[in-house]
Amino acid sequence: MADEKKTNKPVKDHWLTIDGVKKEAKRVRWPKWKTEGNTPGIAANTGEVLIFSGFFCAFFVLCDFIVTFLLRFIGIGA
Protein backbone atom coordinates (compact mmCIF):
# COMPACT_ATOMS: atom_id res chain seq x y z
CA MET A 1 0.00 0.00 0.00
CA ALA A 2 2.88 2.38 0.70
CA ASP A 3 4.13 1.90 -2.85
CA GLU A 4 0.77 2.98 -4.28
CA LYS A 5 0.84 6.28 -2.34
CA LYS A 6 4.34 7.08 -3.58
CA THR A 7 3.41 6.58 -7.24
CA ASN A 8 0.33 8.84 -6.96
CA LYS A 9 2.30 11.86 -5.69
CA PRO A 10 3.05 14.57 -8.23
CA VAL A 11 6.68 15.11 -9.11
CA LYS A 12 8.17 18.02 -7.17
CA ASP A 13 9.83 20.92 -8.97
CA HIS A 14 13.53 20.36 -8.38
CA TRP A 15 15.19 23.75 -8.72
CA LEU A 16 18.68 22.32 -8.32
CA THR A 17 18.72 21.14 -11.92
CA ILE A 18 19.55 23.15 -15.04
CA ASP A 19 15.88 23.21 -16.07
CA GLY A 20 14.82 24.23 -12.56
CA VAL A 21 17.33 27.09 -12.50
CA LYS A 22 16.14 28.30 -15.92
CA LYS A 23 12.52 28.17 -14.79
CA GLU A 24 13.30 30.08 -11.58
CA ALA A 25 15.34 32.73 -13.47
CA LYS A 26 12.31 33.38 -15.70
CA ARG A 27 10.12 33.96 -12.63
CA VAL A 28 12.40 36.68 -11.23
CA ARG A 29 11.34 40.29 -11.79
CA TRP A 30 14.64 41.76 -12.99
CA PRO A 31 15.20 45.52 -12.47
CA LYS A 32 15.37 47.87 -15.43
CA TRP A 33 18.61 49.62 -16.45
CA LYS A 34 17.01 53.04 -16.86
CA THR A 35 14.53 54.92 -14.70
CA GLU A 36 10.92 54.25 -15.58
CA GLY A 37 8.27 56.37 -13.88
CA ASN A 38 8.91 56.57 -10.14
CA THR A 39 11.07 53.44 -10.08
CA PRO A 40 14.81 54.20 -10.30
CA GLY A 41 16.81 51.95 -12.57
CA ILE A 42 20.12 50.21 -11.95
CA ALA A 43 22.13 53.10 -13.44
CA ALA A 44 20.53 55.65 -11.09
CA ASN A 45 21.01 53.43 -8.04
CA THR A 46 24.63 52.75 -8.97
CA GLY A 47 25.32 56.46 -9.35
CA GLU A 48 23.80 57.19 -5.94
CA VAL A 49 25.88 54.47 -4.28
CA LEU A 50 29.11 55.72 -5.88
CA ILE A 51 28.46 59.33 -4.84
CA PHE A 52 27.50 58.27 -1.30
CA SER A 53 30.59 56.04 -0.99
CA GLY A 54 32.90 58.75 -2.35
CA PHE A 55 31.49 61.32 0.08
CA PHE A 56 32.02 59.09 3.09
CA CYS A 57 35.47 58.05 1.91
CA ALA A 58 36.50 61.73 1.74
CA PHE A 59 34.81 62.39 5.11
CA PHE A 60 36.74 59.64 6.91
CA VAL A 61 40.06 60.58 5.27
CA LEU A 62 39.50 64.21 6.35
CA CYS A 63 38.65 63.08 9.90
CA ASP A 64 41.82 60.99 9.99
CA PHE A 65 43.95 63.96 8.88
CA ILE A 66 42.34 66.22 11.50
CA VAL A 67 42.87 63.72 14.33
CA THR A 68 46.47 63.12 13.22
CA PHE A 69 47.13 66.87 13.09
CA LEU A 70 45.64 67.42 16.56
CA LEU A 71 47.62 64.56 18.09
CA ARG A 72 50.88 65.86 16.59
CA PHE A 73 50.00 69.39 17.71
CA ILE A 74 49.74 68.32 21.35
CA GLY A 75 52.90 66.23 21.08
CA ILE A 76 51.59 62.69 20.71
CA GLY A 77 52.95 60.70 17.79
CA ALA A 78 55.98 61.09 15.60
PDB file of N, CA and C in Angstrom:
ATOM      1  N   MET A   1       0.816  -1.193   0.000  1.00  0.00           N
ATOM      2  CA  MET A   1       0.000   0.000   0.000  1.00  0.00           C
ATOM      3  C   MET A   1       0.863   1.262   0.000  1.00  0.00           C
ATOM      4  N   ALA A   2       1.999   1.205   0.651  1.00  0.00           N
ATOM      5  CA  ALA A   2       2.877   2.376   0.702  1.00  0.00           C
ATOM      6  C   ALA A   2       3.412   2.707  -0.681  1.00  0.00           C
ATOM      7  N   ASP A   3       3.625   1.671  -1.506  1.00  0.00           N
ATOM      8  CA  ASP A   3       4.129   1.905  -2.853  1.00  0.00           C
ATOM      9  C   ASP A   3       3.100   2.628  -3.715  1.00  0.00           C
ATOM     10  N   GLU A   4       1.816   2.341  -3.500  1.00  0.00           N
ATOM     11  CA  GLU A   4       0.768   2.982  -4.275  1.00  0.00           C
ATOM     12  C   GLU A   4       0.704   4.472  -3.969  1.00  0.00           C
ATOM     13  N   LYS A   5       0.884   4.866  -2.715  1.00  0.00           N
ATOM     14  CA  LYS A   5       0.837   6.278  -2.338  1.00  0.00           C
ATOM     15  C   LYS A   5       2.009   7.039  -2.946  1.00  0.00           C
ATOM     16  N   LYS A   6       3.174   6.411  -3.019  1.00  0.00           N
ATOM     17  CA  LYS A   6       4.339   7.076  -3.581  1.00  0.00           C
ATOM     18  C   LYS A   6       4.167   7.334  -5.071  1.00  0.00           C
ATOM     19  N   THR A   7       3.567   6.422  -5.790  1.00  0.00           N
ATOM     20  CA  THR A   7       3.412   6.579  -7.236  1.00  0.00           C
ATOM     21  C   THR A   7       2.346   7.609  -7.579  1.00  0.00           C
ATOM     22  N   ASN A   8       1.400   7.883  -6.691  1.00  0.00           N
ATOM     23  CA  ASN A   8       0.330   8.843  -6.962  1.00  0.00           C
ATOM     24  C   ASN A   8       0.738  10.284  -6.667  1.00  0.00           C
ATOM     25  N   LYS A   9       1.876  10.498  -6.012  1.00  0.00           N
ATOM     26  CA  LYS A   9       2.304  11.857  -5.686  1.00  0.00           C
ATOM     27  C   LYS A   9       2.819  12.554  -6.939  1.00  0.00           C
ATOM     28  N   PRO A  10       2.495  13.842  -7.078  1.00  0.00           N
ATOM     29  CA  PRO A  10       3.046  14.570  -8.230  1.00  0.00           C
ATOM     30  C   PRO A  10       4.549  14.798  -8.042  1.00  0.00           C
ATOM     31  N   VAL A  11       5.246  14.907  -9.152  1.00  0.00           N
ATOM     32  CA  VAL A  11       6.684  15.111  -9.108  1.00  0.00           C
ATOM     33  C   VAL A  11       6.951  16.541  -8.646  1.00  0.00           C
ATOM     34  N   LYS A  12       7.842  16.691  -7.676  1.00  0.00           N
ATOM     35  CA  LYS A  12       8.174  18.019  -7.166  1.00  0.00           C
ATOM     36  C   LYS A  12       9.059  18.755  -8.166  1.00  0.00           C
ATOM     37  N   ASP A  13       8.983  20.084  -8.109  1.00  0.00           N
ATOM     38  CA  ASP A  13       9.828  20.922  -8.969  1.00  0.00           C
ATOM     39  C   ASP A  13      11.208  21.006  -8.326  1.00  0.00           C
ATOM     40  N   HIS A  14      12.170  20.346  -8.907  1.00  0.00           N
ATOM     41  CA  HIS A  14      13.528  20.364  -8.380  1.00  0.00           C
ATOM     42  C   HIS A  14      14.278  21.529  -9.000  1.00  0.00           C
ATOM     43  N   TRP A  15      14.540  22.561  -8.195  1.00  0.00           N
ATOM     44  CA  TRP A  15      15.187  23.754  -8.722  1.00  0.00           C
ATOM     45  C   TRP A  15      16.691  23.588  -8.839  1.00  0.00           C
ATOM     46  N   LEU A  16      17.236  22.519  -8.302  1.00  0.00           N
ATOM     47  CA  LEU A  16      18.681  22.324  -8.318  1.00  0.00           C
ATOM     48  C   LEU A  16      19.138  21.604  -9.587  1.00  0.00           C
ATOM     49  N   THR A  17      18.346  21.686 -10.614  1.00  0.00           N
ATOM     50  CA  THR A  17      18.720  21.144 -11.917  1.00  0.00           C
ATOM     51  C   THR A  17      18.824  22.315 -12.891  1.00  0.00           C
ATOM     52  N   ILE A  18      19.402  22.085 -14.044  1.00  0.00           N
ATOM     53  CA  ILE A  18      19.545  23.153 -15.038  1.00  0.00           C
ATOM     54  C   ILE A  18      18.171  23.683 -15.446  1.00  0.00           C
ATOM     55  N   ASP A  19      17.221  22.779 -15.693  1.00  0.00           N
ATOM     56  CA  ASP A  19      15.875  23.207 -16.073  1.00  0.00           C
ATOM     57  C   ASP A  19      15.194  23.973 -14.944  1.00  0.00           C
ATOM     58  N   GLY A  20      15.399  23.537 -13.712  1.00  0.00           N
ATOM     59  CA  GLY A  20      14.820  24.225 -12.564  1.00  0.00           C
ATOM     60  C   GLY A  20      15.395  25.619 -12.391  1.00  0.00           C
ATOM     61  N   VAL A  21      16.688  25.766 -12.604  1.00  0.00           N
ATOM     62  CA  VAL A  21      17.327  27.086 -12.496  1.00  0.00           C
ATOM     63  C   VAL A  21      16.817  28.005 -13.597  1.00  0.00           C
ATOM     64  N   LYS A  22      16.673  27.492 -14.812  1.00  0.00           N
ATOM     65  CA  LYS A  22      16.144  28.298 -15.918  1.00  0.00           C
ATOM     66  C   LYS A  22      14.721  28.753 -15.617  1.00  0.00           C
ATOM     67  N   LYS A  23      13.905  27.843 -15.102  1.00  0.00           N
ATOM     68  CA  LYS A  23      12.518  28.170 -14.789  1.00  0.00           C
ATOM     69  C   LYS A  23      12.460  29.241 -13.697  1.00  0.00           C
ATOM     70  N   GLU A  24      13.295  29.113 -12.678  1.00  0.00           N
ATOM     71  CA  GLU A  24      13.305  30.077 -11.577  1.00  0.00           C
ATOM     72  C   GLU A  24      13.814  31.439 -12.050  1.00  0.00           C
ATOM     73  N   ALA A  25      14.805  31.464 -12.949  1.00  0.00           N
ATOM     74  CA  ALA A  25      15.336  32.731 -13.466  1.00  0.00           C
ATOM     75  C   ALA A  25      14.274  33.465 -14.288  1.00  0.00           C
ATOM     76  N   LYS A  26      13.387  32.746 -14.939  1.00  0.00           N
ATOM     77  CA  LYS A  26      12.311  33.384 -15.703  1.00  0.00           C
ATOM     78  C   LYS A  26      11.260  33.986 -14.781  1.00  0.00           C
ATOM     79  N   ARG A  27      11.117  33.457 -13.575  1.00  0.00           N
ATOM     80  CA  ARG A  27      10.122  33.958 -12.630  1.00  0.00           C
ATOM     81  C   ARG A  27      10.572  35.253 -11.944  1.00  0.00           C
ATOM     82  N   VAL A  28      11.861  35.514 -11.936  1.00  0.00           N
ATOM     83  CA  VAL A  28      12.400  36.675 -11.233  1.00  0.00           C
ATOM     84  C   VAL A  28      12.000  37.950 -11.967  1.00  0.00           C
ATOM     85  N   ARG A  29      11.624  38.979 -11.208  1.00  0.00           N
ATOM     86  CA  ARG A  29      11.344  40.291 -11.795  1.00  0.00           C
ATOM     87  C   ARG A  29      12.647  41.074 -11.775  1.00  0.00           C
ATOM     88  N   TRP A  30      13.343  41.110 -12.900  1.00  0.00           N
ATOM     89  CA  TRP A  30      14.639  41.764 -12.993  1.00  0.00           C
ATOM     90  C   TRP A  30      14.456  43.272 -13.070  1.00  0.00           C
ATOM     91  N   PRO A  31      15.331  44.048 -12.406  1.00  0.00           N
ATOM     92  CA  PRO A  31      15.200  45.516 -12.467  1.00  0.00           C
ATOM     93  C   PRO A  31      15.598  46.044 -13.842  1.00  0.00           C
ATOM     94  N   LYS A  32      15.078  47.220 -14.149  1.00  0.00           N
ATOM     95  CA  LYS A  32      15.368  47.867 -15.434  1.00  0.00           C
ATOM     96  C   LYS A  32      16.668  48.653 -15.317  1.00  0.00           C
ATOM     97  N   TRP A  33      17.361  48.862 -16.437  1.00  0.00           N
ATOM     98  CA  TRP A  33      18.612  49.624 -16.446  1.00  0.00           C
ATOM     99  C   TRP A  33      18.358  51.111 -16.283  1.00  0.00           C
ATOM    100  N   LYS A  34      17.306  51.610 -16.911  1.00  0.00           N
ATOM    101  CA  LYS A  34      17.013  53.044 -16.864  1.00  0.00           C
ATOM    102  C   LYS A  34      15.779  53.294 -16.010  1.00  0.00           C
ATOM    103  N   THR A  35      15.662  54.536 -15.538  1.00  0.00           N
ATOM    104  CA  THR A  35      14.534  54.924 -14.704  1.00  0.00           C
ATOM    105  C   THR A  35      13.253  54.905 -15.525  1.00  0.00           C
ATOM    106  N   GLU A  36      12.232  54.283 -14.941  1.00  0.00           N
ATOM    107  CA  GLU A  36      10.917  54.249 -15.583  1.00  0.00           C
ATOM    108  C   GLU A  36       9.887  54.700 -14.566  1.00  0.00           C
ATOM    109  N   GLY A  37       9.261  55.855 -14.816  1.00  0.00           N
ATOM    110  CA  GLY A  37       8.266  56.369 -13.884  1.00  0.00           C
ATOM    111  C   GLY A  37       8.918  56.769 -12.574  1.00  0.00           C
ATOM    112  N   ASN A  38       8.368  56.265 -11.473  1.00  0.00           N
ATOM    113  CA  ASN A  38       8.907  56.572 -10.144  1.00  0.00           C
ATOM    114  C   ASN A  38       9.935  55.552  -9.687  1.00  0.00           C
ATOM    115  N   THR A  39      10.147  54.507 -10.467  1.00  0.00           N
ATOM    116  CA  THR A  39      11.069  53.439 -10.080  1.00  0.00           C
ATOM    117  C   THR A  39      12.458  53.723 -10.644  1.00  0.00           C
ATOM    118  N   PRO A  40      13.458  53.949  -9.774  1.00  0.00           N
ATOM    119  CA  PRO A  40      14.806  54.197 -10.298  1.00  0.00           C
ATOM    120  C   PRO A  40      15.399  52.925 -10.884  1.00  0.00           C
ATOM    121  N   GLY A  41      16.180  53.095 -11.929  1.00  0.00           N
ATOM    122  CA  GLY A  41      16.814  51.953 -12.574  1.00  0.00           C
ATOM    123  C   GLY A  41      18.155  51.645 -11.936  1.00  0.00           C
ATOM    124  N   ILE A  42      18.824  50.639 -12.481  1.00  0.00           N
ATOM    125  CA  ILE A  42      20.117  50.213 -11.953  1.00  0.00           C
ATOM    126  C   ILE A  42      21.154  51.321 -12.096  1.00  0.00           C
ATOM    127  N   ALA A  43      21.140  52.036 -13.217  1.00  0.00           N
ATOM    128  CA  ALA A  43      22.126  53.098 -13.443  1.00  0.00           C
ATOM    129  C   ALA A  43      21.981  54.209 -12.401  1.00  0.00           C
ATOM    130  N   ALA A  44      20.757  54.602 -12.087  1.00  0.00           N
ATOM    131  CA  ALA A  44      20.530  55.650 -11.090  1.00  0.00           C
ATOM    132  C   ALA A  44      20.964  55.184  -9.706  1.00  0.00           C
ATOM    133  N   ASN A  45      20.614  53.961  -9.348  1.00  0.00           N
ATOM    134  CA  ASN A  45      21.007  53.434  -8.041  1.00  0.00           C
ATOM    135  C   ASN A  45      22.517  53.312  -7.919  1.00  0.00           C
ATOM    136  N   THR A  46      23.176  52.888  -8.989  1.00  0.00           N
ATOM    137  CA  THR A  46      24.632  52.749  -8.970  1.00  0.00           C
ATOM    138  C   THR A  46      25.293  54.107  -8.797  1.00  0.00           C
ATOM    139  N   GLY A  47      24.787  55.111  -9.496  1.00  0.00           N
ATOM    140  CA  GLY A  47      25.321  56.463  -9.346  1.00  0.00           C
ATOM    141  C   GLY A  47      25.176  56.981  -7.929  1.00  0.00           C
ATOM    142  N   GLU A  48      24.015  56.750  -7.317  1.00  0.00           N
ATOM    143  CA  GLU A  48      23.796  57.192  -5.942  1.00  0.00           C
ATOM    144  C   GLU A  48      24.766  56.497  -4.983  1.00  0.00           C
ATOM    145  N   VAL A  49      24.973  55.218  -5.157  1.00  0.00           N
ATOM    146  CA  VAL A  49      25.877  54.469  -4.281  1.00  0.00           C
ATOM    147  C   VAL A  49      27.311  54.973  -4.429  1.00  0.00           C
ATOM    148  N   LEU A  50      27.749  55.234  -5.665  1.00  0.00           N
ATOM    149  CA  LEU A  50      29.113  55.715  -5.882  1.00  0.00           C
ATOM    150  C   LEU A  50      29.324  57.100  -5.270  1.00  0.00           C
ATOM    151  N   ILE A  51      28.346  57.995  -5.434  1.00  0.00           N
ATOM    152  CA  ILE A  51      28.456  59.332  -4.842  1.00  0.00           C
ATOM    153  C   ILE A  51      28.472  59.241  -3.321  1.00  0.00           C
ATOM    154  N   PHE A  52      27.581  58.454  -2.757  1.00  0.00           N
ATOM    155  CA  PHE A  52      27.502  58.267  -1.302  1.00  0.00           C
ATOM    156  C   PHE A  52      28.806  57.685  -0.763  1.00  0.00           C
ATOM    157  N   SER A  53      29.344  56.673  -1.431  1.00  0.00           N
ATOM    158  CA  SER A  53      30.593  56.039  -0.990  1.00  0.00           C
ATOM    159  C   SER A  53      31.769  57.006  -1.104  1.00  0.00           C
ATOM    160  N   GLY A  54      31.828  57.778  -2.182  1.00  0.00           N
ATOM    161  CA  GLY A  54      32.899  58.754  -2.354  1.00  0.00           C
ATOM    162  C   GLY A  54      32.855  59.836  -1.290  1.00  0.00           C
ATOM    163  N   PHE A  55      31.641  60.305  -0.962  1.00  0.00           N
ATOM    164  CA  PHE A  55      31.490  61.317   0.077  1.00  0.00           C
ATOM    165  C   PHE A  55      31.999  60.803   1.417  1.00  0.00           C
ATOM    166  N   PHE A  56      31.600  59.607   1.799  1.00  0.00           N
ATOM    167  CA  PHE A  56      32.024  59.088   3.095  1.00  0.00           C
ATOM    168  C   PHE A  56      33.494  58.700   3.110  1.00  0.00           C
ATOM    169  N   CYS A  57      34.041  58.311   1.989  1.00  0.00           N
ATOM    170  CA  CYS A  57      35.473  58.052   1.907  1.00  0.00           C
ATOM    171  C   CYS A  57      36.239  59.346   2.182  1.00  0.00           C
ATOM    172  N   ALA A  58      35.849  60.425   1.518  1.00  0.00           N
ATOM    173  CA  ALA A  58      36.496  61.725   1.738  1.00  0.00           C
ATOM    174  C   ALA A  58      36.292  62.203   3.177  1.00  0.00           C
ATOM    175  N   PHE A  59      35.106  61.985   3.733  1.00  0.00           N
ATOM    176  CA  PHE A  59      34.811  62.390   5.106  1.00  0.00           C
ATOM    177  C   PHE A  59      35.741  61.690   6.099  1.00  0.00           C
ATOM    178  N   PHE A  60      35.904  60.375   5.959  1.00  0.00           N
ATOM    179  CA  PHE A  60      36.736  59.641   6.907  1.00  0.00           C
ATOM    180  C   PHE A  60      38.224  59.950   6.720  1.00  0.00           C
ATOM    181  N   VAL A  61      38.661  60.188   5.503  1.00  0.00           N
ATOM    182  CA  VAL A  61      40.056  60.578   5.275  1.00  0.00           C
ATOM    183  C   VAL A  61      40.305  61.943   5.906  1.00  0.00           C
ATOM    184  N   LEU A  62      39.376  62.883   5.734  1.00  0.00           N
ATOM    185  CA  LEU A  62      39.500  64.208   6.345  1.00  0.00           C
ATOM    186  C   LEU A  62      39.525  64.100   7.868  1.00  0.00           C
ATOM    187  N   CYS A  63      38.657  63.286   8.449  1.00  0.00           N
ATOM    188  CA  CYS A  63      38.653  63.085   9.905  1.00  0.00           C
ATOM    189  C   CYS A  63      39.981  62.509  10.378  1.00  0.00           C
ATOM    190  N   ASP A  64      40.541  61.579   9.626  1.00  0.00           N
ATOM    191  CA  ASP A  64      41.822  60.986   9.989  1.00  0.00           C
ATOM    192  C   ASP A  64      42.924  62.036   9.978  1.00  0.00           C
ATOM    193  N   PHE A  65      42.947  62.900   8.951  1.00  0.00           N
ATOM    194  CA  PHE A  65      43.952  63.963   8.884  1.00  0.00           C
ATOM    195  C   PHE A  65      43.802  64.940  10.050  1.00  0.00           C
ATOM    196  N   ILE A  66      42.573  65.287  10.389  1.00  0.00           N
ATOM    197  CA  ILE A  66      42.338  66.224  11.498  1.00  0.00           C
ATOM    198  C   ILE A  66      42.808  65.630  12.815  1.00  0.00           C
ATOM    199  N   VAL A  67      42.452  64.374  13.086  1.00  0.00           N
ATOM    200  CA  VAL A  67      42.873  63.724  14.330  1.00  0.00           C
ATOM    201  C   VAL A  67      44.390  63.599  14.382  1.00  0.00           C
ATOM    202  N   THR A  68      45.019  63.237  13.266  1.00  0.00           N
ATOM    203  CA  THR A  68      46.472  63.124  13.221  1.00  0.00           C
ATOM    204  C   THR A  68      47.132  64.482  13.484  1.00  0.00           C
ATOM    205  N   PHE A  69      46.592  65.536  12.879  1.00  0.00           N
ATOM    206  CA  PHE A  69      47.127  66.869  13.086  1.00  0.00           C
ATOM    207  C   PHE A  69      47.003  67.277  14.553  1.00  0.00           C
ATOM    208  N   LEU A  70      45.843  67.042  15.157  1.00  0.00           N
ATOM    209  CA  LEU A  70      45.636  67.424  16.556  1.00  0.00           C
ATOM    210  C   LEU A  70      46.540  66.646  17.488  1.00  0.00           C
ATOM    211  N   LEU A  71      46.736  65.363  17.237  1.00  0.00           N
ATOM    212  CA  LEU A  71      47.623  64.560  18.086  1.00  0.00           C
ATOM    213  C   LEU A  71      49.074  65.019  17.974  1.00  0.00           C
ATOM    214  N   ARG A  72      49.507  65.353  16.760  1.00  0.00           N
ATOM    215  CA  ARG A  72      50.876  65.862  16.590  1.00  0.00           C
ATOM    216  C   ARG A  72      51.026  67.256  17.200  1.00  0.00           C
ATOM    217  N   PHE A  73      49.962  68.047  17.148  1.00  0.00           N
ATOM    218  CA  PHE A  73      49.996  69.393  17.707  1.00  0.00           C
ATOM    219  C   PHE A  73      50.186  69.372  19.215  1.00  0.00           C
ATOM    220  N   ILE A  74      49.592  68.391  19.899  1.00  0.00           N
ATOM    221  CA  ILE A  74      49.744  68.324  21.351  1.00  0.00           C
ATOM    222  C   ILE A  74      50.941  67.460  21.753  1.00  0.00           C
ATOM    223  N   GLY A  75      51.658  66.940  20.774  1.00  0.00           N
ATOM    224  CA  GLY A  75      52.901  66.233  21.079  1.00  0.00           C
ATOM    225  C   GLY A  75      52.805  64.724  21.153  1.00  0.00           C
ATOM    226  N   ILE A  76      51.720  64.155  20.722  1.00  0.00           N
ATOM    227  CA  ILE A  76      51.593  62.691  20.709  1.00  0.00           C
ATOM    228  C   ILE A  76      51.828  62.211  19.291  1.00  0.00           C
ATOM    229  N   GLY A  77      52.668  61.230  19.115  1.00  0.00           N
ATOM    230  CA  GLY A  77      52.948  60.703  17.793  1.00  0.00           C
ATOM    231  C   GLY A  77      54.238  61.256  17.230  1.00  0.00           C
ATOM    232  N   ALA A  78      54.705  60.668  16.160  1.00  0.00           N
ATOM    233  CA  ALA A  78      55.983  61.094  15.601  1.00  0.00           C
ATOM    234  C   ALA A  78      55.824  62.160  14.581  1.00  0.00           C
TER     235      ALA A  78
END
